[in-house]
Amino acid sequence: MTRYLIVPGWSDSGPDHWQSHWERTLPSASRVVMPDWFNPKREAWVDTLDHAIREAPEPPVLVAHSLGCIAVVHWAQRATGRVRGAFLVAPPDLDRKGCPPHLREFAPVPRAALRFPSRVVASDNDPYGALPKVIELAFAWGSEVTVLEAAGHINTDAGFGPWPEGRALLDTLS
């Protein structure tokens, strides 16, 4: 059975977010609980992710959203554990004008190819990550790319609850 680690972004994912729905419905899924959801520190998040991966009974599939995607990519640069793949949804552009200073703690975003299968899911109107920038990152990481039309930040505010279409995409990694 595939093990899933849910990796939320800044401020965690609320109960109606697709990650929370998946955590409740995917067998063998658990959330990586970061030390501080509102004042993230890159090293603390990467260390927490590394610990969760090493503690998993088998290599997991990482299911990340937003800043969680960036934490996964930083983790991959120093990986001490193994994963089956990464599902990276709505990675933000940390170089964009107006990016909050507490998120810039995660810059620069690594651009090295990931050593495991990955899929980036992006929106053509994400206010936190312009599509050309996200596609550039995905290409650098060696990720497959799926672009959703008018999906915003692919979160609760954009109308994403259980998101069965996303689950179908996730199944391509597991």
N, C-alpha and C. Protein backbone atom coordinates (compact mmCIF):
# COMPACT_ATOMS: atom_id res chain seq x y z
N MET A 1 0.84 -1.18 0.00
CA MET A 1 0.00 0.00 0.00
C MET A 1 0.89 1.25 0.00
N THR A 2 0.54 2.20 -0.84
CA THR A 2 1.32 3.44 -0.93
C THR A 2 1.13 4.29 0.30
N ARG A 3 2.22 4.79 0.83
CA ARG A 3 2.22 5.71 1.97
C ARG A 3 2.28 7.13 1.41
N TYR A 4 1.48 8.04 1.96
CA TYR A 4 1.44 9.43 1.52
C TYR A 4 1.79 10.34 2.68
N LEU A 5 2.63 11.32 2.41
CA LEU A 5 2.90 12.38 3.37
C LEU A 5 2.36 13.68 2.80
N ILE A 6 1.40 14.25 3.51
CA ILE A 6 0.78 15.52 3.12
C ILE A 6 1.68 16.64 3.64
N VAL A 7 2.11 17.53 2.73
CA VAL A 7 3.02 18.62 3.09
C VAL A 7 2.35 19.95 2.76
N PRO A 8 1.60 20.53 3.72
CA PRO A 8 0.94 21.80 3.47
C PRO A 8 1.93 22.96 3.34
N GLY A 9 1.40 24.07 2.90
CA GLY A 9 2.20 25.28 2.78
C GLY A 9 1.98 26.22 3.96
N TRP A 10 2.34 27.47 3.75
CA TRP A 10 2.24 28.49 4.78
C TRP A 10 0.82 28.50 5.36
N SER A 11 0.71 28.52 6.64
CA SER A 11 -0.53 28.57 7.44
C SER A 11 -1.30 27.25 7.47
N ASP A 12 -0.70 26.17 6.99
CA ASP A 12 -1.33 24.84 7.01
C ASP A 12 -2.50 24.81 6.04
N SER A 13 -3.18 23.71 5.96
CA SER A 13 -4.36 23.55 5.12
C SER A 13 -5.56 23.31 6.02
N GLY A 14 -6.57 24.15 5.87
CA GLY A 14 -7.76 24.04 6.71
C GLY A 14 -8.55 22.77 6.43
N PRO A 15 -9.62 22.54 7.20
CA PRO A 15 -10.37 21.29 7.11
C PRO A 15 -11.07 21.06 5.76
N ASP A 16 -11.31 22.12 5.00
CA ASP A 16 -11.98 21.95 3.70
C ASP A 16 -11.01 21.95 2.52
N HIS A 17 -9.73 22.13 2.80
CA HIS A 17 -8.70 22.12 1.75
C HIS A 17 -8.59 20.71 1.18
N TRP A 18 -8.25 20.59 -0.08
CA TRP A 18 -8.13 19.26 -0.70
C TRP A 18 -7.12 18.38 0.03
N GLN A 19 -6.03 18.97 0.57
CA GLN A 19 -5.06 18.15 1.30
C GLN A 19 -5.69 17.52 2.53
N SER A 20 -6.54 18.25 3.22
CA SER A 20 -7.20 17.71 4.41
C SER A 20 -8.18 16.61 4.03
N HIS A 21 -8.91 16.80 2.94
CA HIS A 21 -9.82 15.74 2.46
C HIS A 21 -9.02 14.48 2.14
N TRP A 22 -7.90 14.66 1.45
CA TRP A 22 -7.09 13.51 1.07
C TRP A 22 -6.47 12.84 2.29
N GLU A 23 -6.07 13.63 3.26
CA GLU A 23 -5.51 13.04 4.48
C GLU A 23 -6.53 12.13 5.15
N ARG A 24 -7.79 12.53 5.11
CA ARG A 24 -8.86 11.73 5.73
C ARG A 24 -9.24 10.51 4.90
N THR A 25 -9.03 10.56 3.59
CA THR A 25 -9.55 9.49 2.74
C THR A 25 -8.50 8.59 2.11
N LEU A 26 -7.27 9.05 2.00
CA LEU A 26 -6.22 8.18 1.44
C LEU A 26 -5.75 7.19 2.50
N PRO A 27 -5.71 5.92 2.17
CA PRO A 27 -5.14 4.98 3.13
C PRO A 27 -3.66 5.32 3.35
N SER A 28 -3.21 5.17 4.53
CA SER A 28 -1.79 5.40 4.86
C SER A 28 -1.32 6.82 4.56
N ALA A 29 -2.17 7.81 4.83
CA ALA A 29 -1.77 9.21 4.65
C ALA A 29 -1.61 9.87 6.01
N SER A 30 -0.61 10.73 6.11
CA SER A 30 -0.45 11.52 7.33
C SER A 30 0.12 12.88 6.96
N ARG A 31 -0.16 13.85 7.79
CA ARG A 31 0.27 15.23 7.57
C ARG A 31 1.61 15.46 8.25
N VAL A 32 2.49 16.16 7.55
CA VAL A 32 3.74 16.60 8.16
C VAL A 32 3.41 17.90 8.88
N VAL A 33 3.54 17.90 10.19
CA VAL A 33 3.21 19.07 11.01
C VAL A 33 4.47 19.89 11.21
N MET A 34 4.48 21.06 10.59
CA MET A 34 5.65 21.92 10.65
C MET A 34 5.72 22.66 11.98
N PRO A 35 6.92 23.06 12.42
CA PRO A 35 7.09 23.70 13.72
C PRO A 35 6.36 25.04 13.86
N ASP A 36 6.26 25.81 12.80
CA ASP A 36 5.59 27.10 12.89
C ASP A 36 4.97 27.39 11.53
N TRP A 37 3.65 27.28 11.45
CA TRP A 37 2.96 27.45 10.18
C TRP A 37 2.97 28.90 9.69
N PHE A 38 3.07 29.86 10.60
CA PHE A 38 2.91 31.27 10.22
C PHE A 38 4.22 32.03 10.09
N ASN A 39 5.28 31.54 10.69
CA ASN A 39 6.61 32.14 10.56
C ASN A 39 7.59 31.03 10.18
N PRO A 40 7.45 30.53 8.96
CA PRO A 40 8.24 29.36 8.56
C PRO A 40 9.73 29.67 8.46
N LYS A 41 10.51 28.70 8.89
CA LYS A 41 11.97 28.75 8.76
C LYS A 41 12.37 27.56 7.91
N ARG A 42 13.10 27.85 6.85
CA ARG A 42 13.44 26.80 5.88
C ARG A 42 14.08 25.59 6.54
N GLU A 43 15.12 25.78 7.34
CA GLU A 43 15.81 24.63 7.92
C GLU A 43 14.90 23.81 8.83
N ALA A 44 14.06 24.47 9.59
CA ALA A 44 13.14 23.75 10.49
C ALA A 44 12.15 22.93 9.67
N TRP A 45 11.62 23.52 8.60
CA TRP A 45 10.66 22.78 7.77
C TRP A 45 11.35 21.61 7.07
N VAL A 46 12.52 21.82 6.53
CA VAL A 46 13.22 20.75 5.82
C VAL A 46 13.61 19.63 6.79
N ASP A 47 14.08 20.00 7.98
CA ASP A 47 14.42 18.99 8.99
C ASP A 47 13.19 18.18 9.39
N THR A 48 12.05 18.86 9.56
CA THR A 48 10.81 18.17 9.94
C THR A 48 10.37 17.22 8.84
N LEU A 49 10.45 17.67 7.61
CA LEU A 49 10.10 16.81 6.47
C LEU A 49 11.05 15.61 6.40
N ASP A 50 12.33 15.85 6.56
CA ASP A 50 13.31 14.78 6.52
C ASP A 50 13.00 13.72 7.59
N HIS A 51 12.69 14.17 8.79
CA HIS A 51 12.37 13.24 9.87
C HIS A 51 11.13 12.40 9.52
N ALA A 52 10.09 13.05 8.98
CA ALA A 52 8.87 12.32 8.62
C ALA A 52 9.15 11.28 7.54
N ILE A 53 9.98 11.62 6.57
CA ILE A 53 10.31 10.68 5.50
C ILE A 53 11.12 9.51 6.05
N ARG A 54 12.09 9.80 6.89
CA ARG A 54 12.92 8.72 7.46
C ARG A 54 12.10 7.80 8.37
N GLU A 55 11.08 8.34 9.03
CA GLU A 55 10.24 7.54 9.93
C GLU A 55 9.18 6.71 9.19
N ALA A 56 8.94 7.04 7.94
CA ALA A 56 7.92 6.30 7.18
C ALA A 56 8.38 4.85 7.00
N PRO A 57 7.46 3.88 7.14
CA PRO A 57 7.84 2.48 7.02
C PRO A 57 8.27 2.07 5.62
N GLU A 58 7.93 2.87 4.63
CA GLU A 58 8.34 2.63 3.25
C GLU A 58 8.44 3.98 2.57
N PRO A 59 9.15 4.08 1.45
CA PRO A 59 9.26 5.37 0.77
C PRO A 59 7.87 5.92 0.41
N PRO A 60 7.55 7.13 0.87
CA PRO A 60 6.23 7.70 0.63
C PRO A 60 6.16 8.51 -0.66
N VAL A 61 4.94 8.84 -1.04
CA VAL A 61 4.68 9.84 -2.06
C VAL A 61 4.39 11.13 -1.30
N LEU A 62 5.09 12.19 -1.65
CA LEU A 62 4.90 13.49 -1.01
C LEU A 62 3.80 14.24 -1.76
N VAL A 63 2.85 14.79 -1.00
CA VAL A 63 1.72 15.52 -1.58
C VAL A 63 1.79 16.93 -1.02
N ALA A 64 2.41 17.84 -1.81
CA ALA A 64 2.72 19.17 -1.31
C ALA A 64 1.90 20.26 -1.98
N HIS A 65 1.65 21.31 -1.22
CA HIS A 65 0.96 22.49 -1.75
C HIS A 65 1.75 23.74 -1.41
N SER A 66 1.87 24.63 -2.37
CA SER A 66 2.42 25.97 -2.18
C SER A 66 3.82 25.93 -1.57
N LEU A 67 4.01 26.57 -0.42
CA LEU A 67 5.33 26.60 0.20
C LEU A 67 5.82 25.19 0.55
N GLY A 68 4.90 24.26 0.77
CA GLY A 68 5.28 22.87 0.99
C GLY A 68 6.05 22.30 -0.19
N CYS A 69 5.71 22.74 -1.42
CA CYS A 69 6.45 22.30 -2.61
C CYS A 69 7.91 22.75 -2.52
N ILE A 70 8.10 23.98 -2.08
CA ILE A 70 9.45 24.52 -2.01
C ILE A 70 10.24 23.80 -0.92
N ALA A 71 9.57 23.46 0.18
CA ALA A 71 10.24 22.67 1.23
C ALA A 71 10.69 21.32 0.67
N VAL A 72 9.83 20.69 -0.13
CA VAL A 72 10.19 19.39 -0.73
C VAL A 72 11.41 19.54 -1.62
N VAL A 73 11.46 20.57 -2.43
CA VAL A 73 12.59 20.75 -3.34
C VAL A 73 13.88 21.03 -2.57
N HIS A 74 13.78 21.81 -1.50
CA HIS A 74 14.97 22.02 -0.66
C HIS A 74 15.40 20.70 -0.01
N TRP A 75 14.43 19.92 0.48
CA TRP A 75 14.76 18.63 1.08
C TRP A 75 15.49 17.74 0.08
N ALA A 76 15.03 17.75 -1.17
CA ALA A 76 15.61 16.88 -2.20
C ALA A 76 17.09 17.19 -2.44
N GLN A 77 17.51 18.41 -2.14
CA GLN A 77 18.92 18.78 -2.36
C GLN A 77 19.85 18.11 -1.36
N ARG A 78 19.31 17.72 -0.22
CA ARG A 78 20.15 17.09 0.81
C ARG A 78 19.57 15.78 1.31
N ALA A 79 18.69 15.20 0.52
CA ALA A 79 17.90 14.04 0.92
C ALA A 79 18.70 12.97 1.64
N THR A 80 18.16 12.57 2.80
CA THR A 80 18.74 11.45 3.53
C THR A 80 17.79 10.26 3.53
N GLY A 81 16.61 10.45 2.97
CA GLY A 81 15.64 9.37 2.88
C GLY A 81 15.20 9.22 1.43
N ARG A 82 14.36 8.22 1.21
CA ARG A 82 13.87 7.96 -0.14
C ARG A 82 12.38 8.22 -0.23
N VAL A 83 11.95 8.68 -1.40
CA VAL A 83 10.53 8.84 -1.66
C VAL A 83 10.19 8.19 -3.00
N ARG A 84 8.91 7.84 -3.15
CA ARG A 84 8.45 7.25 -4.42
C ARG A 84 8.17 8.31 -5.46
N GLY A 85 7.84 9.51 -5.00
CA GLY A 85 7.52 10.58 -5.93
C GLY A 85 6.99 11.78 -5.18
N ALA A 86 6.75 12.85 -5.93
CA ALA A 86 6.23 14.08 -5.33
C ALA A 86 5.16 14.68 -6.24
N PHE A 87 4.05 15.03 -5.63
CA PHE A 87 2.93 15.70 -6.28
C PHE A 87 2.97 17.13 -5.76
N LEU A 88 3.37 18.05 -6.61
CA LEU A 88 3.67 19.42 -6.21
C LEU A 88 2.62 20.38 -6.80
N VAL A 89 1.75 20.89 -5.95
CA VAL A 89 0.63 21.70 -6.42
C VAL A 89 0.82 23.17 -6.06
N ALA A 90 0.76 24.01 -7.08
CA ALA A 90 0.80 25.47 -6.93
C ALA A 90 2.07 25.98 -6.23
N PRO A 91 3.25 25.59 -6.72
CA PRO A 91 4.46 26.15 -6.10
C PRO A 91 4.48 27.66 -6.31
N PRO A 92 4.81 28.42 -5.28
CA PRO A 92 4.82 29.87 -5.41
C PRO A 92 6.12 30.40 -6.02
N ASP A 93 6.03 31.59 -6.55
CA ASP A 93 7.21 32.30 -7.05
C ASP A 93 7.70 33.19 -5.92
N LEU A 94 8.80 32.82 -5.29
CA LEU A 94 9.32 33.58 -4.17
C LEU A 94 10.07 34.84 -4.60
N ASP A 95 10.28 34.99 -5.91
CA ASP A 95 10.94 36.18 -6.43
C ASP A 95 9.93 37.25 -6.88
N ARG A 96 8.66 36.95 -6.79
CA ARG A 96 7.65 37.88 -7.30
C ARG A 96 7.58 39.15 -6.46
N LYS A 97 7.17 40.21 -7.07
CA LYS A 97 6.97 41.48 -6.36
C LYS A 97 5.86 41.28 -5.34
N GLY A 98 6.08 41.72 -4.14
CA GLY A 98 5.07 41.60 -3.09
C GLY A 98 5.12 40.30 -2.32
N CYS A 99 6.08 39.46 -2.61
CA CYS A 99 6.20 38.20 -1.85
C CYS A 99 6.52 38.56 -0.39
N PRO A 100 5.75 38.03 0.56
CA PRO A 100 6.00 38.36 1.96
C PRO A 100 7.41 37.96 2.40
N PRO A 101 8.04 38.82 3.20
CA PRO A 101 9.42 38.55 3.65
C PRO A 101 9.57 37.21 4.36
N HIS A 102 8.56 36.77 5.13
CA HIS A 102 8.69 35.51 5.86
C HIS A 102 8.70 34.29 4.92
N LEU A 103 8.25 34.46 3.68
CA LEU A 103 8.33 33.36 2.72
C LEU A 103 9.66 33.37 1.96
N ARG A 104 10.26 34.53 1.87
CA ARG A 104 11.55 34.64 1.16
C ARG A 104 12.66 33.89 1.89
N GLU A 105 12.39 33.49 3.12
CA GLU A 105 13.32 32.65 3.88
C GLU A 105 13.65 31.38 3.07
N PHE A 106 12.75 30.99 2.15
CA PHE A 106 12.91 29.77 1.37
C PHE A 106 13.62 30.01 0.04
N ALA A 107 13.94 31.26 -0.26
CA ALA A 107 14.66 31.58 -1.49
C ALA A 107 16.16 31.49 -1.25
N PRO A 108 16.92 31.22 -2.28
CA PRO A 108 16.49 30.93 -3.64
C PRO A 108 15.95 29.50 -3.75
N VAL A 109 15.05 29.32 -4.68
CA VAL A 109 14.46 28.00 -4.90
C VAL A 109 15.44 27.16 -5.72
N PRO A 110 15.77 25.97 -5.22
CA PRO A 110 16.68 25.10 -5.98
C PRO A 110 16.12 24.77 -7.36
N ARG A 111 17.02 24.63 -8.30
CA ARG A 111 16.62 24.32 -9.67
C ARG A 111 17.23 23.02 -10.18
N ALA A 112 17.79 22.24 -9.30
CA ALA A 112 18.37 20.96 -9.70
C ALA A 112 17.27 19.94 -9.94
N ALA A 113 17.52 19.04 -10.86
CA ALA A 113 16.56 17.98 -11.17
C ALA A 113 16.31 17.11 -9.93
N LEU A 114 15.07 16.75 -9.72
CA LEU A 114 14.71 15.86 -8.63
C LEU A 114 15.09 14.43 -9.02
N ARG A 115 15.46 13.63 -8.05
CA ARG A 115 15.90 12.26 -8.32
C ARG A 115 14.76 11.25 -8.18
N PHE A 116 13.55 11.73 -8.25
CA PHE A 116 12.37 10.87 -8.15
C PHE A 116 11.29 11.44 -9.05
N PRO A 117 10.31 10.61 -9.43
CA PRO A 117 9.23 11.11 -10.29
C PRO A 117 8.47 12.25 -9.59
N SER A 118 8.06 13.21 -10.39
CA SER A 118 7.29 14.33 -9.82
C SER A 118 6.34 14.90 -10.86
N ARG A 119 5.27 15.48 -10.35
CA ARG A 119 4.31 16.18 -11.19
C ARG A 119 4.02 17.51 -10.53
N VAL A 120 4.11 18.58 -11.31
CA VAL A 120 3.71 19.91 -10.86
C VAL A 120 2.33 20.19 -11.45
N VAL A 121 1.42 20.62 -10.59
CA VAL A 121 0.10 21.05 -11.03
C VAL A 121 0.03 22.55 -10.78
N ALA A 122 -0.23 23.30 -11.86
CA ALA A 122 -0.23 24.76 -11.78
C ALA A 122 -1.53 25.31 -12.37
N SER A 123 -1.78 26.56 -12.07
CA SER A 123 -2.95 27.25 -12.60
C SER A 123 -2.47 28.40 -13.48
N ASP A 124 -3.25 28.70 -14.50
CA ASP A 124 -2.87 29.80 -15.39
C ASP A 124 -3.20 31.17 -14.81
N ASN A 125 -3.79 31.20 -13.60
CA ASN A 125 -4.07 32.49 -12.97
C ASN A 125 -3.78 32.47 -11.46
N ASP A 126 -2.74 31.76 -11.08
CA ASP A 126 -2.35 31.70 -9.67
C ASP A 126 -1.73 33.04 -9.26
N PRO A 127 -2.30 33.72 -8.26
CA PRO A 127 -1.74 35.02 -7.87
C PRO A 127 -0.37 34.92 -7.20
N TYR A 128 0.03 33.72 -6.79
CA TYR A 128 1.31 33.55 -6.09
C TYR A 128 2.40 32.91 -6.94
N GLY A 129 2.05 32.52 -8.15
CA GLY A 129 3.03 31.90 -9.03
C GLY A 129 2.61 32.02 -10.48
N ALA A 130 3.18 32.98 -11.21
CA ALA A 130 2.85 33.14 -12.62
C ALA A 130 3.22 31.86 -13.38
N LEU A 131 2.36 31.47 -14.29
CA LEU A 131 2.53 30.21 -15.00
C LEU A 131 3.89 30.07 -15.68
N PRO A 132 4.41 31.08 -16.38
CA PRO A 132 5.74 30.89 -17.00
C PRO A 132 6.83 30.57 -15.97
N LYS A 133 6.78 31.19 -14.82
CA LYS A 133 7.79 30.93 -13.77
C LYS A 133 7.63 29.50 -13.22
N VAL A 134 6.40 29.08 -12.99
CA VAL A 134 6.15 27.74 -12.45
C VAL A 134 6.58 26.68 -13.47
N ILE A 135 6.30 26.91 -14.73
CA ILE A 135 6.73 25.95 -15.76
C ILE A 135 8.25 25.90 -15.84
N GLU A 136 8.90 27.05 -15.70
CA GLU A 136 10.37 27.10 -15.68
C GLU A 136 10.92 26.25 -14.53
N LEU A 137 10.33 26.38 -13.34
CA LEU A 137 10.76 25.59 -12.19
C LEU A 137 10.53 24.10 -12.44
N ALA A 138 9.34 23.77 -12.93
CA ALA A 138 9.00 22.37 -13.19
C ALA A 138 9.97 21.75 -14.19
N PHE A 139 10.32 22.49 -15.22
CA PHE A 139 11.27 22.00 -16.21
C PHE A 139 12.63 21.73 -15.55
N ALA A 140 13.08 22.66 -14.71
CA ALA A 140 14.36 22.49 -14.02
C ALA A 140 14.33 21.26 -13.11
N TRP A 141 13.19 21.00 -12.48
CA TRP A 141 13.08 19.87 -11.56
C TRP A 141 12.88 18.54 -12.30
N GLY A 142 12.61 18.60 -13.60
CA GLY A 142 12.35 17.38 -14.37
C GLY A 142 10.95 16.84 -14.13
N SER A 143 10.03 17.71 -13.76
CA SER A 143 8.67 17.29 -13.42
C SER A 143 7.74 17.28 -14.63
N GLU A 144 6.79 16.36 -14.60
CA GLU A 144 5.67 16.44 -15.52
C GLU A 144 4.84 17.65 -15.10
N VAL A 145 4.12 18.27 -16.03
CA VAL A 145 3.35 19.46 -15.72
C VAL A 145 1.91 19.30 -16.17
N THR A 146 1.00 19.67 -15.29
CA THR A 146 -0.42 19.75 -15.62
C THR A 146 -0.86 21.17 -15.32
N VAL A 147 -1.48 21.82 -16.29
CA VAL A 147 -1.95 23.20 -16.11
C VAL A 147 -3.48 23.20 -16.05
N LEU A 148 -4.00 23.79 -14.99
CA LEU A 148 -5.45 23.94 -14.82
C LEU A 148 -5.84 25.36 -15.23
N GLU A 149 -6.99 25.49 -15.87
CA GLU A 149 -7.46 26.80 -16.29
C GLU A 149 -8.24 27.47 -15.17
N ALA A 150 -7.89 28.73 -14.91
CA ALA A 150 -8.61 29.58 -13.96
C ALA A 150 -8.83 28.89 -12.61
N ALA A 151 -7.78 28.27 -12.08
CA ALA A 151 -7.89 27.53 -10.82
C ALA A 151 -7.28 28.28 -9.64
N GLY A 152 -6.87 29.53 -9.84
CA GLY A 152 -6.31 30.30 -8.75
C GLY A 152 -5.13 29.59 -8.10
N HIS A 153 -5.09 29.62 -6.78
CA HIS A 153 -3.99 28.99 -6.05
C HIS A 153 -4.29 27.52 -5.71
N ILE A 154 -5.31 26.97 -6.33
CA ILE A 154 -5.69 25.56 -6.17
C ILE A 154 -5.84 25.24 -4.67
N ASN A 155 -6.65 26.05 -4.02
CA ASN A 155 -6.88 25.91 -2.58
C ASN A 155 -8.37 26.09 -2.28
N THR A 156 -8.71 26.15 -1.03
CA THR A 156 -10.11 26.29 -0.63
C THR A 156 -10.72 27.57 -1.18
N ASP A 157 -9.98 28.68 -1.12
CA ASP A 157 -10.49 29.95 -1.64
C ASP A 157 -10.82 29.87 -3.12
N ALA A 158 -10.14 29.01 -3.84
CA ALA A 158 -10.37 28.85 -5.28
C ALA A 158 -11.42 27.76 -5.56
N GLY A 159 -12.02 27.21 -4.50
CA GLY A 159 -13.10 26.24 -4.66
C GLY A 159 -12.66 24.79 -4.70
N PHE A 160 -11.44 24.51 -4.22
CA PHE A 160 -10.95 23.14 -4.25
C PHE A 160 -11.16 22.47 -2.90
N GLY A 161 -12.13 21.57 -2.86
CA GLY A 161 -12.40 20.76 -1.68
C GLY A 161 -11.82 19.37 -1.91
N PRO A 162 -12.66 18.35 -2.05
CA PRO A 162 -12.14 16.98 -2.23
C PRO A 162 -11.27 16.80 -3.48
N TRP A 163 -11.51 17.52 -4.54
CA TRP A 163 -10.72 17.54 -5.77
C TRP A 163 -10.43 16.14 -6.33
N PRO A 164 -11.47 15.44 -6.80
CA PRO A 164 -11.26 14.10 -7.36
C PRO A 164 -10.37 14.08 -8.60
N GLU A 165 -10.38 15.16 -9.39
CA GLU A 165 -9.51 15.21 -10.57
C GLU A 165 -8.04 15.21 -10.14
N GLY A 166 -7.75 15.87 -9.04
CA GLY A 166 -6.39 15.86 -8.51
C GLY A 166 -5.99 14.47 -8.04
N ARG A 167 -6.94 13.78 -7.39
CA ARG A 167 -6.65 12.41 -6.95
C ARG A 167 -6.30 11.51 -8.12
N ALA A 168 -6.98 11.71 -9.25
CA ALA A 168 -6.67 10.92 -10.44
C ALA A 168 -5.25 11.23 -10.92
N LEU A 169 -4.84 12.50 -10.86
CA LEU A 169 -3.46 12.85 -11.22
C LEU A 169 -2.46 12.25 -10.24
N LEU A 170 -2.81 12.28 -8.96
CA LEU A 170 -1.92 11.70 -7.94
C LEU A 170 -1.67 10.23 -8.22
N ASP A 171 -2.69 9.52 -8.66
CA ASP A 171 -2.57 8.10 -8.93
C ASP A 171 -1.54 7.79 -10.01
N THR A 172 -1.18 8.80 -10.82
CA THR A 172 -0.16 8.55 -11.84
C THR A 172 1.23 8.42 -11.23
N LEU A 173 1.38 8.85 -9.97
CA LEU A 173 2.67 8.72 -9.28
C LEU A 173 2.76 7.49 -8.39
N SER A 174 1.63 6.98 -7.94
CA SER A 174 1.68 5.90 -6.95
C SER A 174 1.39 4.53 -7.53
